[in-house]
Amino acid sequence: MANEKKNLPHTADNKADGDFALGMGNYKLLAIGFGVIILGFILMAGGGSEDPNVFNADIYGFRRITLAPIVVLAGFAFEVYAIMKK
């Protein structure tokens, strides 16, 4: 009887083999957050000029200076939420 396992909830001491630290829903949310971060970096891309002697003012546009960093930061905040969600 001393060797019988009790039906206790999963804790760090009696965690079953194959259990992950996060649930499947957390991993889906992490993937969504990663996609949002990638989208933000895609929004930042571009704005260069074909000719290095010609200045292209598009690099200072709203999309690259304001929108893209906000999207990236929102993605990182969503990642924190996805990890902390129980």
PDB file of N, CA and C in Angstrom:
ATOM      1  N   MET A   1       0.796  -1.201   0.000  1.00  0.00           N
ATOM      2  CA  MET A   1       0.000   0.000   0.000  1.00  0.00           C
ATOM      3  C   MET A   1       0.838   1.265   0.000  1.00  0.00           C
ATOM      4  N   ALA A   2       2.036   1.212   0.493  1.00  0.00           N
ATOM      5  CA  ALA A   2       2.872   2.399   0.549  1.00  0.00           C
ATOM      6  C   ALA A   2       3.302   2.836  -0.844  1.00  0.00           C
ATOM      7  N   ASN A   3       3.312   1.899  -1.803  1.00  0.00           N
ATOM      8  CA  ASN A   3       3.766   2.223  -3.155  1.00  0.00           C
ATOM      9  C   ASN A   3       2.637   2.660  -4.080  1.00  0.00           C
ATOM     10  N   GLU A   4       1.399   2.687  -3.602  1.00  0.00           N
ATOM     11  CA  GLU A   4       0.280   3.097  -4.433  1.00  0.00           C
ATOM     12  C   GLU A   4       0.327   4.600  -4.710  1.00  0.00           C
ATOM     13  N   LYS A   5       0.009   4.967  -5.954  1.00  0.00           N
ATOM     14  CA  LYS A   5      -0.053   6.384  -6.302  1.00  0.00           C
ATOM     15  C   LYS A   5      -1.441   6.906  -6.004  1.00  0.00           C
ATOM     16  N   LYS A   6      -1.504   8.044  -5.396  1.00  0.00           N
ATOM     17  CA  LYS A   6      -2.785   8.664  -5.088  1.00  0.00           C
ATOM     18  C   LYS A   6      -3.229   9.497  -6.273  1.00  0.00           C
ATOM     19  N   ASN A   7      -4.510   9.667  -6.434  1.00  0.00           N
ATOM     20  CA  ASN A   7      -5.064  10.500  -7.500  1.00  0.00           C
ATOM     21  C   ASN A   7      -5.071  11.954  -7.053  1.00  0.00           C
ATOM     22  N   LEU A   8      -3.903  12.557  -7.131  1.00  0.00           N
ATOM     23  CA  LEU A   8      -3.756  13.955  -6.746  1.00  0.00           C
ATOM     24  C   LEU A   8      -3.701  14.816  -7.999  1.00  0.00           C
ATOM     25  N   PRO A   9      -4.081  16.078  -7.887  1.00  0.00           N
ATOM     26  CA  PRO A   9      -3.927  16.966  -9.041  1.00  0.00           C
ATOM     27  C   PRO A   9      -2.451  17.087  -9.400  1.00  0.00           C
ATOM     28  N   HIS A  10      -2.195  17.438 -10.657  1.00  0.00           N
ATOM     29  CA  HIS A  10      -0.811  17.553 -11.116  1.00  0.00           C
ATOM     30  C   HIS A  10      -0.104  18.680 -10.383  1.00  0.00           C
ATOM     31  N   THR A  11       1.000  18.357  -9.788  1.00  0.00           N
ATOM     32  CA  THR A  11       1.888  19.350  -9.193  1.00  0.00           C
ATOM     33  C   THR A  11       3.287  19.099  -9.715  1.00  0.00           C
ATOM     34  N   ALA A  12       4.226  19.875  -9.261  1.00  0.00           N
ATOM     35  CA  ALA A  12       5.602  19.702  -9.734  1.00  0.00           C
ATOM     36  C   ALA A  12       6.156  18.346  -9.298  1.00  0.00           C
ATOM     37  N   ASP A  13       5.705  17.836  -8.159  1.00  0.00           N
ATOM     38  CA  ASP A  13       6.249  16.571  -7.644  1.00  0.00           C
ATOM     39  C   ASP A  13       5.656  15.346  -8.321  1.00  0.00           C
ATOM     40  N   ASN A  14       4.373  15.381  -8.688  1.00  0.00           N
ATOM     41  CA  ASN A  14       3.741  14.188  -9.264  1.00  0.00           C
ATOM     42  C   ASN A  14       3.243  14.438 -10.686  1.00  0.00           C
ATOM     43  N   LYS A  15       3.960  15.245 -11.416  1.00  0.00           N
ATOM     44  CA  LYS A  15       3.559  15.565 -12.785  1.00  0.00           C
ATOM     45  C   LYS A  15       3.724  14.329 -13.661  1.00  0.00           C
ATOM     46  N   ALA A  16       2.701  14.036 -14.443  1.00  0.00           N
ATOM     47  CA  ALA A  16       2.738  12.862 -15.300  1.00  0.00           C
ATOM     48  C   ALA A  16       3.698  13.090 -16.469  1.00  0.00           C
ATOM     49  N   ASP A  17       4.287  12.006 -16.948  1.00  0.00           N
ATOM     50  CA  ASP A  17       5.180  12.109 -18.105  1.00  0.00           C
ATOM     51  C   ASP A  17       4.380  12.541 -19.320  1.00  0.00           C
ATOM     52  N   GLY A  18       4.947  13.414 -20.141  1.00  0.00           N
ATOM     53  CA  GLY A  18       4.282  13.880 -21.348  1.00  0.00           C
ATOM     54  C   GLY A  18       3.461  15.136 -21.147  1.00  0.00           C
ATOM     55  N   ASP A  19       3.313  15.598 -19.934  1.00  0.00           N
ATOM     56  CA  ASP A  19       2.580  16.844 -19.710  1.00  0.00           C
ATOM     57  C   ASP A  19       3.475  18.021 -20.061  1.00  0.00           C
ATOM     58  N   PHE A  20       2.886  19.021 -20.689  1.00  0.00           N
ATOM     59  CA  PHE A  20       3.621  20.212 -21.056  1.00  0.00           C
ATOM     60  C   PHE A  20       3.356  21.314 -20.039  1.00  0.00           C
ATOM     61  N   ALA A  21       4.235  22.279 -19.990  1.00  0.00           N
ATOM     62  CA  ALA A  21       4.081  23.380 -19.045  1.00  0.00           C
ATOM     63  C   ALA A  21       2.868  24.240 -19.387  1.00  0.00           C
ATOM     64  N   LEU A  22       2.561  24.358 -20.673  1.00  0.00           N
ATOM     65  CA  LEU A  22       1.437  25.159 -21.129  1.00  0.00           C
ATOM     66  C   LEU A  22       0.448  24.263 -21.849  1.00  0.00           C
ATOM     67  N   GLY A  23      -0.797  24.679 -21.866  1.00  0.00           N
ATOM     68  CA  GLY A  23      -1.824  23.918 -22.567  1.00  0.00           C
ATOM     69  C   GLY A  23      -1.821  24.216 -24.055  1.00  0.00           C
ATOM     70  N   MET A  24      -2.618  23.451 -24.787  1.00  0.00           N
ATOM     71  CA  MET A  24      -2.684  23.617 -26.236  1.00  0.00           C
ATOM     72  C   MET A  24      -3.201  25.008 -26.617  1.00  0.00           C
ATOM     73  N   GLY A  25      -4.129  25.531 -25.850  1.00  0.00           N
ATOM     74  CA  GLY A  25      -4.647  26.874 -26.112  1.00  0.00           C
ATOM     75  C   GLY A  25      -3.565  27.937 -25.981  1.00  0.00           C
ATOM     76  N   ASN A  26      -2.666  27.747 -24.998  1.00  0.00           N
ATOM     77  CA  ASN A  26      -1.569  28.692 -24.829  1.00  0.00           C
ATOM     78  C   ASN A  26      -0.651  28.688 -26.049  1.00  0.00           C
ATOM     79  N   TYR A  27      -0.377  27.511 -26.580  1.00  0.00           N
ATOM     80  CA  TYR A  27       0.502  27.428 -27.745  1.00  0.00           C
ATOM     81  C   TYR A  27      -0.151  28.061 -28.977  1.00  0.00           C
ATOM     82  N   LYS A  28      -1.458  27.934 -29.100  1.00  0.00           N
ATOM     83  CA  LYS A  28      -2.148  28.589 -30.214  1.00  0.00           C
ATOM     84  C   LYS A  28      -2.066  30.103 -30.074  1.00  0.00           C
ATOM     85  N   LEU A  29      -2.240  30.601 -28.853  1.00  0.00           N
ATOM     86  CA  LEU A  29      -2.133  32.039 -28.617  1.00  0.00           C
ATOM     87  C   LEU A  29      -0.707  32.528 -28.865  1.00  0.00           C
ATOM     88  N   LEU A  30       0.291  31.718 -28.501  1.00  0.00           N
ATOM     89  CA  LEU A  30       1.681  32.079 -28.776  1.00  0.00           C
ATOM     90  C   LEU A  30       1.933  32.186 -30.271  1.00  0.00           C
ATOM     91  N   ALA A  31       1.361  31.273 -31.041  1.00  0.00           N
ATOM     92  CA  ALA A  31       1.527  31.310 -32.500  1.00  0.00           C
ATOM     93  C   ALA A  31       0.874  32.560 -33.082  1.00  0.00           C
ATOM     94  N   ILE A  32      -0.300  32.936 -32.564  1.00  0.00           N
ATOM     95  CA  ILE A  32      -0.977  34.149 -33.030  1.00  0.00           C
ATOM     96  C   ILE A  32      -0.126  35.373 -32.703  1.00  0.00           C
ATOM     97  N   GLY A  33       0.402  35.436 -31.485  1.00  0.00           N
ATOM     98  CA  GLY A  33       1.261  36.557 -31.097  1.00  0.00           C
ATOM     99  C   GLY A  33       2.515  36.638 -31.952  1.00  0.00           C
ATOM    100  N   PHE A  34       3.099  35.492 -32.280  1.00  0.00           N
ATOM    101  CA  PHE A  34       4.271  35.472 -33.143  1.00  0.00           C
ATOM    102  C   PHE A  34       3.925  36.007 -34.528  1.00  0.00           C
ATOM    103  N   GLY A  35       2.749  35.651 -35.020  1.00  0.00           N
ATOM    104  CA  GLY A  35       2.297  36.162 -36.315  1.00  0.00           C
ATOM    105  C   GLY A  35       2.113  37.672 -36.297  1.00  0.00           C
ATOM    106  N   VAL A  36       1.604  38.213 -35.191  1.00  0.00           N
ATOM    107  CA  VAL A  36       1.419  39.662 -35.067  1.00  0.00           C
ATOM    108  C   VAL A  36       2.775  40.365 -35.064  1.00  0.00           C
ATOM    109  N   ILE A  37       3.759  39.780 -34.383  1.00  0.00           N
ATOM    110  CA  ILE A  37       5.102  40.365 -34.354  1.00  0.00           C
ATOM    111  C   ILE A  37       5.702  40.370 -35.763  1.00  0.00           C
ATOM    112  N   ILE A  38       5.570  39.263 -36.468  1.00  0.00           N
ATOM    113  CA  ILE A  38       6.089  39.182 -37.837  1.00  0.00           C
ATOM    114  C   ILE A  38       5.392  40.218 -38.726  1.00  0.00           C
ATOM    115  N   LEU A  39       4.079  40.371 -38.563  1.00  0.00           N
ATOM    116  CA  LEU A  39       3.341  41.375 -39.324  1.00  0.00           C
ATOM    117  C   LEU A  39       3.892  42.777 -39.065  1.00  0.00           C
ATOM    118  N   GLY A  40       4.211  43.078 -37.812  1.00  0.00           N
ATOM    119  CA  GLY A  40       4.785  44.384 -37.484  1.00  0.00           C
ATOM    120  C   GLY A  40       6.113  44.617 -38.172  1.00  0.00           C
ATOM    121  N   PHE A  41       6.955  43.581 -38.224  1.00  0.00           N
ATOM    122  CA  PHE A  41       8.244  43.742 -38.902  1.00  0.00           C
ATOM    123  C   PHE A  41       8.070  43.861 -40.415  1.00  0.00           C
ATOM    124  N   ILE A  42       7.074  43.190 -40.956  1.00  0.00           N
ATOM    125  CA  ILE A  42       6.792  43.344 -42.386  1.00  0.00           C
ATOM    126  C   ILE A  42       6.333  44.770 -42.680  1.00  0.00           C
ATOM    127  N   LEU A  43       5.526  45.333 -41.776  1.00  0.00           N
ATOM    128  CA  LEU A  43       5.083  46.715 -41.949  1.00  0.00           C
ATOM    129  C   LEU A  43       6.253  47.702 -41.897  1.00  0.00           C
ATOM    130  N   MET A  44       7.308  47.362 -41.153  1.00  0.00           N
ATOM    131  CA  MET A  44       8.477  48.228 -41.057  1.00  0.00           C
ATOM    132  C   MET A  44       9.356  48.156 -42.298  1.00  0.00           C
ATOM    133  N   ALA A  45       9.256  47.108 -43.049  1.00  0.00           N
ATOM    134  CA  ALA A  45      10.169  46.873 -44.173  1.00  0.00           C
ATOM    135  C   ALA A  45       9.918  47.856 -45.309  1.00  0.00           C
ATOM    136  N   GLY A  46      10.926  48.020 -46.133  1.00  0.00           N
ATOM    137  CA  GLY A  46      10.799  48.850 -47.331  1.00  0.00           C
ATOM    138  C   GLY A  46      11.166  50.289 -47.083  1.00  0.00           C
ATOM    139  N   GLY A  47      10.845  51.113 -48.034  1.00  0.00           N
ATOM    140  CA  GLY A  47      11.115  52.541 -47.920  1.00  0.00           C
ATOM    141  C   GLY A  47      12.463  52.959 -48.442  1.00  0.00           C
ATOM    142  N   GLY A  48      13.233  51.991 -48.901  1.00  0.00           N
ATOM    143  CA  GLY A  48      14.539  52.328 -49.439  1.00  0.00           C
ATOM    144  C   GLY A  48      14.430  52.912 -50.834  1.00  0.00           C
ATOM    145  N   SER A  49      15.553  53.343 -51.342  1.00  0.00           N
ATOM    146  CA  SER A  49      15.586  53.945 -52.668  1.00  0.00           C
ATOM    147  C   SER A  49      16.459  53.090 -53.577  1.00  0.00           C
ATOM    148  N   GLU A  50      16.093  53.017 -54.824  1.00  0.00           N
ATOM    149  CA  GLU A  50      16.893  52.278 -55.803  1.00  0.00           C
ATOM    150  C   GLU A  50      18.252  52.952 -55.996  1.00  0.00           C
ATOM    151  N   ASP A  51      18.238  54.269 -56.027  1.00  0.00           N
ATOM    152  CA  ASP A  51      19.459  55.044 -56.226  1.00  0.00           C
ATOM    153  C   ASP A  51      19.906  55.616 -54.887  1.00  0.00           C
ATOM    154  N   PRO A  52      21.120  55.314 -54.424  1.00  0.00           N
ATOM    155  CA  PRO A  52      21.555  55.824 -53.115  1.00  0.00           C
ATOM    156  C   PRO A  52      21.734  57.341 -53.081  1.00  0.00           C
ATOM    157  N   ASN A  53      21.778  57.977 -54.229  1.00  0.00           N
ATOM    158  CA  ASN A  53      21.924  59.433 -54.257  1.00  0.00           C
ATOM    159  C   ASN A  53      20.587  60.167 -54.171  1.00  0.00           C
ATOM    160  N   VAL A  54      19.481  59.423 -54.203  1.00  0.00           N
ATOM    161  CA  VAL A  54      18.150  60.025 -54.153  1.00  0.00           C
ATOM    162  C   VAL A  54      17.512  59.675 -52.820  1.00  0.00           C
ATOM    163  N   PHE A  55      17.053  60.697 -52.099  1.00  0.00           N
ATOM    164  CA  PHE A  55      16.402  60.484 -50.801  1.00  0.00           C
ATOM    165  C   PHE A  55      14.933  60.158 -51.007  1.00  0.00           C
ATOM    166  N   ASN A  56      14.465  59.128 -50.307  1.00  0.00           N
ATOM    167  CA  ASN A  56      13.063  58.735 -50.375  1.00  0.00           C
ATOM    168  C   ASN A  56      12.431  59.031 -49.018  1.00  0.00           C
ATOM    169  N   ALA A  57      11.500  59.955 -48.960  1.00  0.00           N
ATOM    170  CA  ALA A  57      10.882  60.372 -47.699  1.00  0.00           C
ATOM    171  C   ALA A  57       9.876  59.358 -47.174  1.00  0.00           C
ATOM    172  N   ASP A  58       9.568  58.308 -47.929  1.00  0.00           N
ATOM    173  CA  ASP A  58       8.619  57.297 -47.466  1.00  0.00           C
ATOM    174  C   ASP A  58       9.108  56.550 -46.230  1.00  0.00           C
ATOM    175  N   ILE A  59      10.392  56.585 -45.979  1.00  0.00           N
ATOM    176  CA  ILE A  59      10.924  55.886 -44.815  1.00  0.00           C
ATOM    177  C   ILE A  59      10.410  56.506 -43.513  1.00  0.00           C
ATOM    178  N   TYR A  60       9.997  57.753 -43.564  1.00  0.00           N
ATOM    179  CA  TYR A  60       9.479  58.436 -42.374  1.00  0.00           C
ATOM    180  C   TYR A  60       7.956  58.497 -42.362  1.00  0.00           C
ATOM    181  N   GLY A  61       7.308  57.607 -43.057  1.00  0.00           N
ATOM    182  CA  GLY A  61       5.853  57.600 -43.113  1.00  0.00           C
ATOM    183  C   GLY A  61       5.221  57.058 -41.830  1.00  0.00           C
ATOM    184  N   PHE A  62       3.940  57.269 -41.702  1.00  0.00           N
ATOM    185  CA  PHE A  62       3.176  56.832 -40.525  1.00  0.00           C
ATOM    186  C   PHE A  62       3.283  55.328 -40.307  1.00  0.00           C
ATOM    187  N   ARG A  63       3.236  54.561 -41.380  1.00  0.00           N
ATOM    188  CA  ARG A  63       3.246  53.100 -41.264  1.00  0.00           C
ATOM    189  C   ARG A  63       4.539  52.597 -40.621  1.00  0.00           C
ATOM    190  N   ARG A  64       5.677  53.143 -41.034  1.00  0.00           N
ATOM    191  CA  ARG A  64       6.958  52.644 -40.542  1.00  0.00           C
ATOM    192  C   ARG A  64       7.372  53.242 -39.202  1.00  0.00           C
ATOM    193  N   ILE A  65       6.977  54.449 -38.928  1.00  0.00           N
ATOM    194  CA  ILE A  65       7.419  55.125 -37.708  1.00  0.00           C
ATOM    195  C   ILE A  65       6.458  54.912 -36.542  1.00  0.00           C
ATOM    196  N   THR A  66       5.173  54.804 -36.804  1.00  0.00           N
ATOM    197  CA  THR A  66       4.190  54.729 -35.727  1.00  0.00           C
ATOM    198  C   THR A  66       3.470  53.392 -35.686  1.00  0.00           C
ATOM    199  N   LEU A  67       2.856  53.000 -36.779  1.00  0.00           N
ATOM    200  CA  LEU A  67       2.004  51.814 -36.787  1.00  0.00           C
ATOM    201  C   LEU A  67       2.784  50.526 -36.540  1.00  0.00           C
ATOM    202  N   ALA A  68       3.877  50.324 -37.244  1.00  0.00           N
ATOM    203  CA  ALA A  68       4.635  49.082 -37.136  1.00  0.00           C
ATOM    204  C   ALA A  68       5.186  48.850 -35.726  1.00  0.00           C
ATOM    205  N   PRO A  69       5.806  49.832 -35.076  1.00  0.00           N
ATOM    206  CA  PRO A  69       6.270  49.583 -33.700  1.00  0.00           C
ATOM    207  C   PRO A  69       5.132  49.288 -32.723  1.00  0.00           C
ATOM    208  N   ILE A  70       3.979  49.921 -32.918  1.00  0.00           N
ATOM    209  CA  ILE A  70       2.839  49.638 -32.047  1.00  0.00           C
ATOM    210  C   ILE A  70       2.366  48.205 -32.249  1.00  0.00           C
ATOM    211  N   VAL A  71       2.344  47.738 -33.492  1.00  0.00           N
ATOM    212  CA  VAL A  71       1.931  46.354 -33.778  1.00  0.00           C
ATOM    213  C   VAL A  71       2.916  45.367 -33.157  1.00  0.00           C
ATOM    214  N   VAL A  72       4.211  45.646 -33.263  1.00  0.00           N
ATOM    215  CA  VAL A  72       5.218  44.750 -32.676  1.00  0.00           C
ATOM    216  C   VAL A  72       5.082  44.710 -31.157  1.00  0.00           C
ATOM    217  N   LEU A  73       4.938  45.852 -30.531  1.00  0.00           N
ATOM    218  CA  LEU A  73       4.785  45.884 -29.071  1.00  0.00           C
ATOM    219  C   LEU A  73       3.493  45.200 -28.632  1.00  0.00           C
ATOM    220  N   ALA A  74       2.429  45.354 -29.399  1.00  0.00           N
ATOM    221  CA  ALA A  74       1.179  44.657 -29.081  1.00  0.00           C
ATOM    222  C   ALA A  74       1.380  43.148 -29.193  1.00  0.00           C
ATOM    223  N   GLY A  75       2.153  42.723 -30.175  1.00  0.00           N
ATOM    224  CA  GLY A  75       2.446  41.298 -30.315  1.00  0.00           C
ATOM    225  C   GLY A  75       3.214  40.759 -29.121  1.00  0.00           C
ATOM    226  N   PHE A  76       4.209  41.512 -28.647  1.00  0.00           N
ATOM    227  CA  PHE A  76       4.965  41.076 -27.471  1.00  0.00           C
ATOM    228  C   PHE A  76       4.077  41.059 -26.218  1.00  0.00           C
ATOM    229  N   ALA A  77       3.214  42.038 -26.072  1.00  0.00           N
ATOM    230  CA  ALA A  77       2.290  42.051 -24.936  1.00  0.00           C
ATOM    231  C   ALA A  77       1.339  40.856 -25.012  1.00  0.00           C
ATOM    232  N   PHE A  78       0.891  40.522 -26.210  1.00  0.00           N
ATOM    233  CA  PHE A  78       0.016  39.369 -26.388  1.00  0.00           C
ATOM    234  C   PHE A  78       0.755  38.075 -26.054  1.00  0.00           C
ATOM    235  N   GLU A  79       2.051  38.007 -26.342  1.00  0.00           N
ATOM    236  CA  GLU A  79       2.855  36.839 -25.991  1.00  0.00           C
ATOM    237  C   GLU A  79       2.905  36.651 -24.477  1.00  0.00           C
ATOM    238  N   VAL A  80       3.080  37.754 -23.753  1.00  0.00           N
ATOM    239  CA  VAL A  80       3.093  37.674 -22.279  1.00  0.00           C
ATOM    240  C   VAL A  80       1.742  37.159 -21.791  1.00  0.00           C
ATOM    241  N   TYR A  81       0.665  37.683 -22.344  1.00  0.00           N
ATOM    242  CA  TYR A  81      -0.674  37.208 -21.973  1.00  0.00           C
ATOM    243  C   TYR A  81      -0.826  35.717 -22.273  1.00  0.00           C
ATOM    244  N   ALA A  82      -0.344  35.287 -23.430  1.00  0.00           N
ATOM    245  CA  ALA A  82      -0.491  33.876 -23.820  1.00  0.00           C
ATOM    246  C   ALA A  82       0.272  32.960 -22.871  1.00  0.00           C
ATOM    247  N   ILE A  83       1.398  33.419 -22.364  1.00  0.00           N
ATOM    248  CA  ILE A  83       2.163  32.598 -21.425  1.00  0.00           C
ATOM    249  C   ILE A  83       1.506  32.569 -20.052  1.00  0.00           C
ATOM    250  N   MET A  84       0.973  33.701 -19.623  1.00  0.00           N
ATOM    251  CA  MET A  84       0.408  33.803 -18.278  1.00  0.00           C
ATOM    252  C   MET A  84      -1.008  33.247 -18.173  1.00  0.00           C
ATOM    253  N   LYS A  85      -1.706  33.098 -19.291  1.00  0.00           N
ATOM    254  CA  LYS A  85      -3.089  32.623 -19.250  1.00  0.00           C
ATOM    255  C   LYS A  85      -3.135  31.210 -18.686  1.00  0.00           C
ATOM    256  N   LYS A  86      -4.018  31.013 -17.756  1.00  0.00           N
ATOM    257  CA  LYS A  86      -4.118  29.703 -17.108  1.00  0.00           C
ATOM    258  C   LYS A  86      -5.034  28.790 -17.858  1.00  0.00           C
TER     259      LYS A  86
END
